[in-house]
Amino acid sequence: MRTFHKIIALAFIAAITFSCVGDDDFTAPTFNDTTPVEVNGEVLELSTIASQVAQSNTGTVTFEQVLNGDGELVDAYVTGYVISDDQGGNWFKELIIQDQAENPTTGVAISIDVNPLFTRYEFGRKVFLKLTGLTAGISNGVVTIGKAGTGGDIERIAGSQEGEFIKRDNVVETIVPLELTFDEFIEDVTELLWIRVSDVQFIVEDIDRCFACEAGDSFDGERTIKNCIDDSTANLFTSTFSDFKALNIPDGKGTIDALITRSFDDSEFVLYVNTPENFNMPGTDRCDPIPFVLGTPIDCASASAPGANTILSENFETQSTGAAAMPAGWSNVQEAGTETWEVYTSGGSNPSLGKSARVGAYNSGDSSTISWLVTPSIDFDAQTGEVFSFETSNSFSDASELLVLFSADWDGTDANINAATWQEIEDAFVVPDNELFTNWVSSGNVSLDCVSGTGHIAFRYKGSGDSAFDGTYELDNISLTSN
């Protein structure tokens, strides 16, 4: 979509009908001919064209006929493999080709007044471009071939001349992404190649955003990719006219197959994808955690007593002492640090209620301890009058924190626990730090009658090895009832 930006400010832009709306109605034709295209001329390397442009005093090269081996004047051609795909609307009247299907070294842009192009020049299609009568130069930071314009500009080849200049070969190759390290991607001088970058993710600030539909997105949505090896960053650009502009940014870590190019102002290397299928970023194993953000608190009307029907009851008596607390259907998620909710029993001056669950960061040495104990999924539409209760104690909780939360959209996977919307259950009373450590304190009868849908209740502990934050919380007698 970079070339299109050159006309984006013109008054007639609102009247243009873009292929990103109707492209899906087209299908690329199938050709069974196995005869390669024959061109009557000399085929030059794409790297030769790029070198000629770089060495030109004017910054442009206009091509004429050349002498062949027999001393005859013939047309000059280049050949390459298509790596752009305008079916998704992320490219406009521009065909990008590279010199090889695997291990490419050079790519160029062909500017042509035709839309769509993917119906004839699909991804991997080999094409021949007649150079005679065309001009190559730098447009938006990359080598572009088209018609000579004024002031060194490269203008589009007229649509009526498509057949004269572009010849579609019968060959369609599998394009193998050129695997680059992130440093190579952001520092290499080679552009317009189909590449793959690995061990990358979108920054946390972008994962709740769409590709290019936010209020501040003008022409392109710019989203930041971070390298998990050294935290260096680069940008992915998506046209605001693309079909997938409103899709959410992937929240996982993995690989991106994309076309490396330059930003419109030629200030940086950036990536453009053809389709969302170019992302392989499963929602697990991010190299930095998604931040935990609380949603609107839950505050139902008060409940005077538990209901008559038991939905959930857990006192940990069937669990093994010293093991991680894992009642059937529950989740014990160790988000940060080495400490988790475990089953313990104690008598004497610090009694447990038989077997109980506890967590604490004391003597852990961890800079951060975050541990979750989450109930099985509960259908709150299956009954009415739900009442929740539990008991907590502490062994000097200090400034550590225990929150009681509810989520209606957690998918049950550890890696996505912070991506869910969690709401604090306001009326659930948790033992305060100033309570005597031998005492167990009731949460009270907490009404959840205003909750609807299916979701999970969670106990989230946060502390650290710092002596001011290394307190311990104990938990027991968890109950959910209904009318």
Protein backbone atom coordinates (compact mmCIF):
# COMPACT_ATOMS: atom_id res chain seq x y z
CA MET A 1 0.00 0.00 0.00
CA ARG A 2 3.10 2.22 0.04
CA THR A 3 2.71 3.45 -3.55
CA PHE A 4 -0.92 4.28 -2.96
CA HIS A 5 0.10 6.74 -0.26
CA LYS A 6 1.46 9.04 -2.92
CA ILE A 7 -2.09 9.85 -4.02
CA ILE A 8 -3.86 9.40 -0.71
CA ALA A 9 -4.20 13.12 -0.13
CA LEU A 10 -5.97 13.84 -3.39
CA ALA A 11 -9.57 14.96 -3.21
CA PHE A 12 -10.97 12.06 -5.22
CA ILE A 13 -9.74 9.43 -2.72
CA ALA A 14 -13.19 8.97 -1.25
CA ALA A 15 -14.55 7.93 -4.61
CA ILE A 16 -12.02 5.19 -5.31
CA THR A 17 -13.35 1.64 -4.94
CA PHE A 18 -10.66 -0.51 -3.36
CA SER A 19 -10.04 -4.14 -4.08
CA CYS A 20 -9.98 -4.95 -0.37
CA VAL A 21 -13.77 -5.05 -0.46
CA GLY A 22 -14.33 -7.11 -3.58
CA ASP A 23 -11.11 -9.08 -3.91
CA ASP A 24 -12.58 -12.14 -2.23
CA ASP A 25 -14.92 -12.58 -5.21
CA PHE A 26 -11.96 -13.35 -7.47
CA THR A 27 -10.22 -16.67 -7.85
CA ALA A 28 -6.89 -17.16 -9.53
CA PRO A 29 -7.29 -19.04 -12.82
CA THR A 30 -5.71 -22.45 -13.27
CA PHE A 31 -3.41 -23.01 -16.26
CA ASN A 32 -2.40 -26.48 -17.36
CA ASP A 33 0.12 -25.37 -19.97
CA THR A 34 3.58 -26.68 -19.06
CA THR A 35 5.42 -24.72 -21.74
CA PRO A 36 7.69 -22.03 -20.25
CA VAL A 37 7.38 -18.47 -21.50
CA GLU A 38 9.92 -17.57 -24.17
CA VAL A 39 11.06 -13.99 -24.39
CA ASN A 40 12.77 -12.48 -27.40
CA GLY A 41 15.45 -10.57 -25.59
CA GLU A 42 18.19 -10.55 -22.97
CA VAL A 43 17.23 -11.45 -19.39
CA LEU A 44 19.12 -9.38 -16.83
CA GLU A 45 19.54 -10.11 -13.13
CA LEU A 46 17.43 -8.14 -10.66
CA SER A 47 20.64 -7.38 -8.77
CA THR A 48 21.97 -5.66 -11.90
CA ILE A 49 18.97 -3.34 -11.96
CA ALA A 50 19.38 -2.49 -8.27
CA SER A 51 23.10 -1.80 -8.80
CA GLN A 52 22.43 0.45 -11.79
CA VAL A 53 19.95 2.51 -9.77
CA ALA A 54 22.37 2.79 -6.85
CA GLN A 55 25.17 3.96 -9.13
CA SER A 56 23.10 6.38 -11.19
CA ASN A 57 23.87 10.08 -10.78
CA THR A 58 20.21 10.93 -11.26
CA GLY A 59 18.84 8.12 -9.12
CA THR A 60 16.93 6.65 -12.08
CA VAL A 61 17.75 4.36 -15.00
CA THR A 62 15.72 4.35 -18.21
CA PHE A 63 16.03 1.14 -20.20
CA GLU A 64 16.48 0.83 -23.94
CA GLN A 65 17.16 -2.15 -26.15
CA VAL A 66 20.43 -4.00 -25.58
CA LEU A 67 22.77 -5.99 -27.79
CA ASN A 68 22.44 -9.75 -27.55
CA GLY A 69 25.21 -12.27 -28.18
CA ASP A 70 24.67 -12.00 -31.91
CA GLY A 71 25.07 -8.24 -31.90
CA GLU A 72 21.34 -7.64 -32.44
CA LEU A 73 19.32 -5.00 -30.62
CA VAL A 74 16.72 -6.76 -28.47
CA ASP A 75 14.50 -5.92 -25.54
CA ALA A 76 15.87 -6.26 -21.99
CA TYR A 77 13.94 -8.31 -19.44
CA VAL A 78 14.15 -9.30 -15.79
CA THR A 79 12.47 -12.29 -14.22
CA GLY A 80 11.36 -13.01 -10.68
CA TYR A 81 8.82 -14.62 -8.37
CA VAL A 82 5.81 -12.79 -7.00
CA ILE A 83 5.83 -12.32 -3.22
CA SER A 84 3.07 -9.72 -2.81
CA ASP A 85 -0.61 -10.68 -2.72
CA ASP A 86 -3.26 -7.96 -2.98
CA GLN A 87 -6.21 -10.29 -2.30
CA GLY A 88 -6.23 -9.15 1.35
CA GLY A 89 -6.08 -5.47 0.39
CA ASN A 90 -2.69 -4.79 1.98
CA TRP A 91 -1.13 -3.94 -1.42
CA PHE A 92 -2.48 -1.65 -4.11
CA LYS A 93 -1.42 -1.49 -7.78
CA GLU A 94 2.00 -2.83 -6.95
CA LEU A 95 3.64 -6.19 -7.69
CA ILE A 96 6.70 -7.22 -5.69
CA ILE A 97 9.05 -9.82 -7.17
CA GLN A 98 12.29 -11.37 -5.88
CA ASP A 99 15.03 -13.07 -7.88
CA GLN A 100 14.81 -16.59 -6.40
CA ALA A 101 12.11 -18.69 -4.77
CA GLU A 102 14.65 -19.72 -2.11
CA ASN A 103 17.64 -17.79 -0.74
CA PRO A 104 16.79 -14.58 -2.65
CA THR A 105 19.17 -11.64 -2.75
CA THR A 106 17.24 -8.90 -4.56
CA GLY A 107 13.67 -7.71 -4.87
CA VAL A 108 11.99 -4.92 -6.80
CA ALA A 109 8.55 -3.33 -6.96
CA ILE A 110 6.62 -3.04 -10.22
CA SER A 111 4.23 -0.11 -10.23
CA ILE A 112 1.23 -0.75 -12.50
CA ASP A 113 -2.24 0.78 -12.75
CA VAL A 114 -4.07 -2.54 -12.36
CA ASN A 115 -6.16 -3.82 -9.46
CA PRO A 116 -6.47 -6.61 -8.45
CA LEU A 117 -3.29 -8.39 -9.48
CA PHE A 118 -3.48 -11.65 -7.53
CA THR A 119 -5.93 -13.19 -10.04
CA ARG A 120 -3.07 -13.48 -12.55
CA TYR A 121 0.06 -13.07 -10.49
CA GLU A 122 -0.44 -15.17 -7.39
CA PHE A 123 2.14 -15.76 -4.68
CA GLY A 124 5.08 -17.72 -6.14
CA ARG A 125 4.19 -17.06 -9.81
CA LYS A 126 7.20 -16.56 -12.06
CA VAL A 127 6.94 -13.49 -14.28
CA PHE A 128 9.05 -11.75 -16.91
CA LEU A 129 9.10 -7.95 -17.04
CA LYS A 130 10.16 -6.19 -20.24
CA LEU A 131 12.39 -3.30 -19.23
CA THR A 132 12.64 -1.56 -22.58
CA GLY A 133 10.66 1.67 -22.30
CA LEU A 134 10.51 1.57 -18.50
CA THR A 135 12.43 3.40 -15.79
CA ALA A 136 13.78 2.18 -12.45
CA GLY A 137 14.37 4.42 -9.47
CA ILE A 138 13.82 4.75 -5.74
CA SER A 139 10.24 5.22 -4.63
CA ASN A 140 9.39 5.24 -0.93
CA GLY A 141 12.87 3.93 -0.21
CA VAL A 142 12.83 0.86 -2.48
CA VAL A 143 13.80 0.07 -6.07
CA THR A 144 10.69 0.50 -8.19
CA ILE A 145 10.16 -0.04 -11.91
CA GLY A 146 7.51 1.85 -13.85
CA LYS A 147 7.12 4.76 -16.20
CA ALA A 148 9.35 7.83 -15.96
CA GLY A 149 7.59 10.71 -14.27
CA THR A 150 8.56 14.28 -13.56
CA GLY A 151 11.32 15.13 -11.14
CA GLY A 152 12.62 11.57 -10.97
CA ASP A 153 9.29 10.10 -9.88
CA ILE A 154 8.29 6.61 -10.96
CA GLU A 155 4.73 6.47 -12.25
CA ARG A 156 2.53 3.47 -12.87
CA ILE A 157 2.57 1.43 -16.04
CA ALA A 158 -0.80 1.96 -17.73
CA GLY A 159 -3.24 -0.89 -17.33
CA SER A 160 -3.63 -1.08 -21.10
CA GLN A 161 0.10 -1.89 -21.36
CA GLU A 162 0.09 -4.75 -18.84
CA GLY A 163 0.32 -7.45 -21.52
CA GLU A 164 3.10 -5.61 -23.31
CA PHE A 165 5.39 -5.42 -20.28
CA ILE A 166 4.48 -8.31 -17.95
CA LYS A 167 4.58 -11.90 -19.15
CA ARG A 168 3.10 -14.53 -16.87
CA ASP A 169 5.11 -17.75 -16.89
CA ASN A 170 3.49 -21.15 -16.26
CA VAL A 171 5.74 -21.81 -13.22
CA VAL A 172 4.49 -21.33 -9.65
CA GLU A 173 7.18 -22.03 -7.06
CA THR A 174 6.93 -22.54 -3.31
CA ILE A 175 8.44 -19.43 -1.77
CA VAL A 176 10.76 -20.39 1.10
CA PRO A 177 11.07 -17.53 3.59
CA LEU A 178 14.58 -16.19 4.05
CA GLU A 179 15.20 -16.68 7.75
CA LEU A 180 16.79 -13.61 9.29
CA THR A 181 17.75 -12.82 12.83
CA PHE A 182 16.08 -9.74 14.19
CA ASP A 183 19.34 -7.78 13.96
CA GLU A 184 19.69 -8.72 10.29
CA PHE A 185 16.12 -7.65 9.65
CA ILE A 186 16.45 -4.19 11.16
CA GLU A 187 20.00 -3.50 9.91
CA ASP A 188 20.32 -5.25 6.54
CA VAL A 189 20.33 -3.02 3.47
CA THR A 190 18.37 -5.56 1.41
CA GLU A 191 14.63 -5.00 1.09
CA LEU A 192 11.66 -6.38 -0.84
CA LEU A 193 12.34 -9.99 0.11
CA TRP A 194 10.03 -12.60 1.65
CA ILE A 195 11.53 -13.27 5.09
CA ARG A 196 10.83 -15.00 8.38
CA VAL A 197 11.66 -13.59 11.80
CA SER A 198 11.49 -15.90 14.81
CA ASP A 199 11.19 -15.55 18.60
CA VAL A 200 9.13 -12.40 18.24
CA GLN A 201 5.93 -11.09 19.75
CA PHE A 202 3.88 -7.92 19.66
CA ILE A 203 4.49 -5.62 22.59
CA VAL A 204 2.01 -5.83 25.45
CA GLU A 205 0.60 -2.39 24.67
CA ASP A 206 -0.53 -3.57 21.21
CA ILE A 207 -2.09 -6.95 21.90
CA ASP A 208 -5.52 -5.55 22.75
CA ARG A 209 -5.53 -3.51 19.53
CA CYS A 210 -6.59 -4.33 15.99
CA PHE A 211 -4.16 -4.28 13.07
CA ALA A 212 -5.30 -0.98 11.55
CA CYS A 213 -8.69 0.18 12.83
CA GLU A 214 -7.82 2.33 15.83
CA ALA A 215 -8.82 5.98 15.91
CA GLY A 216 -5.23 7.14 15.38
CA ASP A 217 -4.50 4.86 12.41
CA SER A 218 -4.02 6.98 9.29
CA PHE A 219 -3.31 5.13 6.02
CA ASP A 220 -1.43 2.41 7.94
CA GLY A 221 -1.67 0.86 11.38
CA GLU A 222 1.78 0.66 12.94
CA ARG A 223 2.24 -2.13 15.51
CA THR A 224 5.48 -2.87 17.33
CA ILE A 225 7.17 -6.28 17.23
CA LYS A 226 9.67 -7.17 19.95
CA ASN A 227 12.56 -9.58 19.64
CA CYS A 228 12.56 -11.92 22.65
CA ILE A 229 16.36 -12.34 22.51
CA ASP A 230 17.40 -8.75 23.23
CA ASP A 231 14.13 -6.74 23.39
CA SER A 232 14.94 -4.82 20.20
CA THR A 233 11.86 -3.66 18.29
CA ALA A 234 10.61 -3.00 14.77
CA ASN A 235 7.25 -2.17 13.20
CA LEU A 236 4.63 -4.09 11.26
CA PHE A 237 2.54 -1.91 8.94
CA THR A 238 -1.00 -2.80 7.86
CA SER A 239 -3.08 -0.79 5.44
CA THR A 240 -6.28 0.74 6.79
CA PHE A 241 -7.87 -0.59 3.58
CA SER A 242 -6.92 -4.21 4.24
CA ASP A 243 -9.58 -6.87 4.76
CA PHE A 244 -8.06 -7.87 8.10
CA LYS A 245 -7.56 -4.40 9.55
CA ALA A 246 -10.14 -5.04 12.32
CA LEU A 247 -8.69 -8.36 13.50
CA ASN A 248 -6.97 -8.44 16.88
CA ILE A 249 -3.20 -8.54 17.13
CA PRO A 250 -1.87 -12.04 18.05
CA ASP A 251 -0.96 -12.22 21.73
CA GLY A 252 1.54 -15.09 21.57
CA LYS A 253 5.17 -15.56 20.58
CA GLY A 254 6.46 -17.20 17.41
CA THR A 255 7.30 -16.41 13.81
CA ILE A 256 6.16 -13.90 11.20
CA ASP A 257 6.52 -14.51 7.46
CA ALA A 258 6.39 -11.14 5.74
CA LEU A 259 7.73 -8.85 3.09
CA ILE A 260 10.52 -6.61 4.30
CA THR A 261 10.33 -3.11 2.91
CA ARG A 262 10.80 0.50 3.95
CA SER A 263 8.40 2.83 5.66
CA PHE A 264 6.66 5.46 3.52
CA ASP A 265 9.13 8.14 4.67
CA ASP A 266 12.09 5.76 4.17
CA SER A 267 13.09 6.07 7.82
CA GLU A 268 13.10 2.39 8.83
CA PHE A 269 12.75 -1.20 7.72
CA VAL A 270 9.23 -2.48 8.27
CA LEU A 271 7.19 -5.62 7.61
CA TYR A 272 4.01 -6.09 5.58
CA VAL A 273 2.11 -9.38 5.57
CA ASN A 274 -0.18 -10.62 2.81
CA THR A 275 -2.66 -12.37 5.10
CA PRO A 276 -3.14 -13.15 8.82
CA GLU A 277 -2.05 -16.70 7.98
CA ASN A 278 1.50 -15.31 7.82
CA PHE A 279 1.55 -15.25 11.63
CA ASN A 280 2.46 -18.36 13.60
CA MET A 281 2.18 -16.94 17.10
CA PRO A 282 0.23 -19.27 19.41
CA GLY A 283 -1.11 -17.68 22.58
CA THR A 284 1.46 -19.33 24.84
CA ASP A 285 4.96 -18.84 26.15
CA ARG A 286 5.35 -15.08 25.75
CA CYS A 287 8.80 -13.79 26.62
CA ASP A 288 7.20 -11.24 28.89
CA PRO A 289 3.92 -11.73 30.72
CA ILE A 290 0.73 -10.00 29.73
CA PRO A 291 0.06 -7.50 32.53
CA PHE A 292 -2.66 -8.24 35.02
CA VAL A 293 -5.45 -5.65 34.83
CA LEU A 294 -8.57 -5.68 36.98
CA GLY A 295 -11.96 -5.12 35.42
CA THR A 296 -15.07 -3.66 37.05
CA PRO A 297 -15.52 -5.10 40.58
CA ILE A 298 -18.40 -7.46 41.32
CA ASP A 299 -20.73 -6.15 44.01
CA CYS A 300 -23.94 -8.16 44.32
CA ALA A 301 -26.52 -7.66 47.06
CA SER A 302 -25.56 -9.09 50.47
CA ALA A 303 -26.56 -12.63 51.46
CA SER A 304 -27.75 -13.48 54.95
CA ALA A 305 -26.98 -17.21 54.79
CA PRO A 306 -25.76 -19.96 52.46
CA GLY A 307 -28.24 -21.62 50.13
CA ALA A 308 -29.64 -25.10 50.54
CA ASN A 309 -27.89 -26.63 47.51
CA THR A 310 -24.15 -27.18 47.27
CA ILE A 311 -22.48 -26.30 43.97
CA LEU A 312 -18.86 -26.44 45.15
CA SER A 313 -17.24 -27.53 48.42
CA GLU A 314 -13.50 -27.89 49.02
CA ASN A 315 -11.60 -28.39 52.30
CA PHE A 316 -8.47 -30.10 50.87
CA GLU A 317 -8.83 -33.12 53.16
CA THR A 318 -8.33 -35.57 50.27
CA GLN A 319 -5.15 -33.84 49.12
CA SER A 320 -1.61 -34.97 49.97
CA THR A 321 0.22 -32.88 52.55
CA GLY A 322 3.18 -31.04 51.04
CA ALA A 323 1.91 -31.41 47.46
CA ALA A 324 0.56 -28.69 45.20
CA ALA A 325 -3.13 -28.12 45.90
CA MET A 326 -4.88 -29.72 42.93
CA PRO A 327 -8.47 -30.75 43.71
CA ALA A 328 -10.31 -32.30 40.77
CA GLY A 329 -11.08 -29.67 38.14
CA TRP A 330 -9.09 -26.92 39.89
CA SER A 331 -6.11 -25.07 38.40
CA ASN A 332 -2.94 -24.25 40.32
CA VAL A 333 -1.12 -21.67 38.18
CA GLN A 334 2.41 -20.57 39.04
CA GLU A 335 2.67 -17.32 37.09
CA ALA A 336 5.91 -16.02 38.61
CA GLY A 337 8.46 -17.28 41.09
CA THR A 338 8.97 -20.71 42.61
CA GLU A 339 6.19 -20.81 45.21
CA THR A 340 2.73 -22.27 44.64
CA TRP A 341 -0.40 -23.09 46.59
CA GLU A 342 0.39 -26.27 48.55
CA VAL A 343 -1.43 -28.47 51.05
CA TYR A 344 -0.27 -28.31 54.65
CA THR A 345 -1.37 -29.35 58.11
CA SER A 346 -0.29 -27.84 61.40
CA GLY A 347 -1.21 -27.88 65.05
CA GLY A 348 0.12 -26.16 68.12
CA SER A 349 0.26 -22.37 68.15
CA ASN A 350 -0.51 -22.02 64.41
CA PRO A 351 -3.25 -24.57 63.72
CA SER A 352 -4.64 -25.42 60.33
CA LEU A 353 -8.23 -26.52 59.89
CA GLY A 354 -7.20 -30.11 59.31
CA LYS A 355 -5.61 -29.86 55.87
CA SER A 356 -5.57 -26.42 54.27
CA ALA A 357 -3.90 -24.68 51.33
CA ARG A 358 -1.26 -22.03 51.74
CA VAL A 359 1.15 -19.92 49.73
CA GLY A 360 3.94 -17.55 50.72
CA ALA A 361 7.15 -16.04 49.40
CA TYR A 362 9.13 -16.29 52.65
CA ASN A 363 12.76 -17.36 52.01
CA SER A 364 11.94 -17.94 48.32
CA GLY A 365 14.61 -15.58 46.99
CA ASP A 366 12.20 -14.71 44.17
CA SER A 367 11.94 -11.15 42.95
CA SER A 368 8.26 -11.84 42.21
CA THR A 369 5.83 -14.50 43.36
CA ILE A 370 2.42 -14.74 41.70
CA SER A 371 0.35 -17.87 42.30
CA TRP A 372 -3.26 -18.63 41.40
CA LEU A 373 -5.67 -21.22 42.78
CA VAL A 374 -8.72 -21.36 40.50
CA THR A 375 -12.00 -23.24 40.84
CA PRO A 376 -13.48 -25.43 38.11
CA SER A 377 -15.75 -23.72 35.61
CA ILE A 378 -19.13 -22.84 37.14
CA ASP A 379 -22.38 -22.19 35.27
CA PHE A 380 -24.09 -19.32 37.08
CA ASP A 381 -27.14 -19.54 34.83
CA ALA A 382 -27.99 -23.05 36.02
CA GLN A 383 -29.41 -21.84 39.36
CA THR A 384 -30.12 -18.68 41.36
CA GLY A 385 -29.14 -17.23 44.68
CA GLU A 386 -25.47 -18.25 44.64
CA VAL A 387 -23.60 -17.60 47.91
CA PHE A 388 -19.81 -17.90 48.17
CA SER A 389 -17.70 -18.27 51.33
CA PHE A 390 -14.24 -19.36 52.52
CA GLU A 391 -11.88 -18.91 55.46
CA THR A 392 -8.40 -17.36 55.49
CA SER A 393 -5.57 -17.03 57.97
CA ASN A 394 -2.12 -15.54 57.68
CA SER A 395 1.39 -15.93 58.99
CA PHE A 396 2.39 -12.28 58.88
CA SER A 397 1.07 -11.41 55.43
CA ASP A 398 3.11 -8.18 55.44
CA ALA A 399 2.54 -6.28 52.19
CA SER A 400 1.85 -9.40 50.14
CA GLU A 401 -1.61 -9.53 48.58
CA LEU A 402 -4.45 -12.01 48.22
CA LEU A 403 -7.27 -11.13 45.81
CA VAL A 404 -10.52 -13.02 45.27
CA LEU A 405 -11.52 -12.76 41.61
CA PHE A 406 -14.01 -13.90 38.99
CA SER A 407 -13.56 -14.28 35.22
CA ALA A 408 -16.16 -15.14 32.61
CA ASP A 409 -13.66 -15.39 29.74
CA TRP A 410 -10.57 -17.28 30.95
CA ASP A 411 -9.92 -20.14 28.53
CA GLY A 412 -8.44 -22.41 31.21
CA THR A 413 -4.83 -22.27 29.96
CA ASP A 414 -2.05 -21.11 32.26
CA ALA A 415 -0.42 -18.89 29.64
CA ASN A 416 -3.61 -16.90 29.03
CA ILE A 417 -4.57 -16.28 32.62
CA ASN A 418 -3.61 -12.60 32.48
CA ALA A 419 -5.24 -12.15 29.09
CA ALA A 420 -8.62 -12.85 30.69
CA THR A 421 -10.82 -10.20 32.28
CA TRP A 422 -10.71 -10.63 36.05
CA GLN A 423 -13.09 -8.81 38.41
CA GLU A 424 -12.49 -8.49 42.12
CA ILE A 425 -15.32 -9.85 44.29
CA GLU A 426 -15.64 -6.83 46.54
CA ASP A 427 -17.54 -8.32 49.47
CA ALA A 428 -15.20 -11.29 49.89
CA PHE A 429 -13.36 -10.47 53.14
CA VAL A 430 -9.71 -11.62 53.30
CA VAL A 431 -7.84 -11.80 56.61
CA PRO A 432 -5.93 -8.54 57.23
CA ASP A 433 -2.25 -8.39 58.17
CA ASN A 434 -3.01 -7.20 61.69
CA GLU A 435 -5.07 -10.30 62.53
CA LEU A 436 -3.44 -12.68 65.00
CA PHE A 437 -1.74 -15.44 63.02
CA THR A 438 -3.51 -18.21 64.96
CA ASN A 439 -6.97 -17.04 63.93
CA TRP A 440 -9.06 -18.10 60.95
CA VAL A 441 -11.37 -15.44 59.54
CA SER A 442 -14.57 -16.00 57.57
CA SER A 443 -15.15 -14.21 54.30
CA GLY A 444 -18.80 -13.81 55.21
CA ASN A 445 -21.67 -14.94 53.01
CA VAL A 446 -20.88 -13.30 49.67
CA SER A 447 -23.74 -13.08 47.20
CA LEU A 448 -22.87 -13.88 43.57
CA ASP A 449 -26.49 -13.82 42.47
CA CYS A 450 -25.77 -10.98 40.02
CA VAL A 451 -23.16 -13.01 38.15
CA SER A 452 -24.28 -14.59 34.88
CA GLY A 453 -22.76 -16.98 32.38
CA THR A 454 -20.00 -19.50 33.00
CA GLY A 455 -16.77 -18.63 34.74
CA HIS A 456 -14.08 -19.29 37.34
CA ILE A 457 -13.41 -17.99 40.84
CA ALA A 458 -9.73 -17.47 41.66
CA PHE A 459 -7.49 -16.74 44.65
CA ARG A 460 -4.48 -14.76 43.40
CA TYR A 461 -1.45 -14.32 45.66
CA LYS A 462 1.25 -11.75 44.95
CA GLY A 463 4.44 -11.33 46.96
CA SER A 464 8.22 -11.54 46.69
CA GLY A 465 11.32 -12.64 48.56
CA ASP A 466 11.64 -9.13 49.92
CA SER A 467 11.04 -9.31 53.69
CA ALA A 468 8.35 -6.62 53.40
CA PHE A 469 6.39 -8.64 50.81
CA ASP A 470 7.04 -12.27 51.75
CA GLY A 471 3.96 -12.94 53.84
CA THR A 472 1.96 -16.18 53.86
CA TYR A 473 -1.79 -16.72 53.34
CA GLU A 474 -3.77 -19.83 54.28
CA LEU A 475 -7.08 -20.88 52.75
CA ASP A 476 -9.76 -23.44 53.61
CA ASN A 477 -13.46 -24.37 53.63
CA ILE A 478 -14.38 -22.97 50.25
CA SER A 479 -18.10 -23.19 49.53
CA LEU A 480 -20.53 -22.14 46.81
CA THR A 481 -24.22 -22.76 47.34
CA SER A 482 -27.51 -21.77 45.72
CA ASN A 483 -31.21 -21.62 46.49
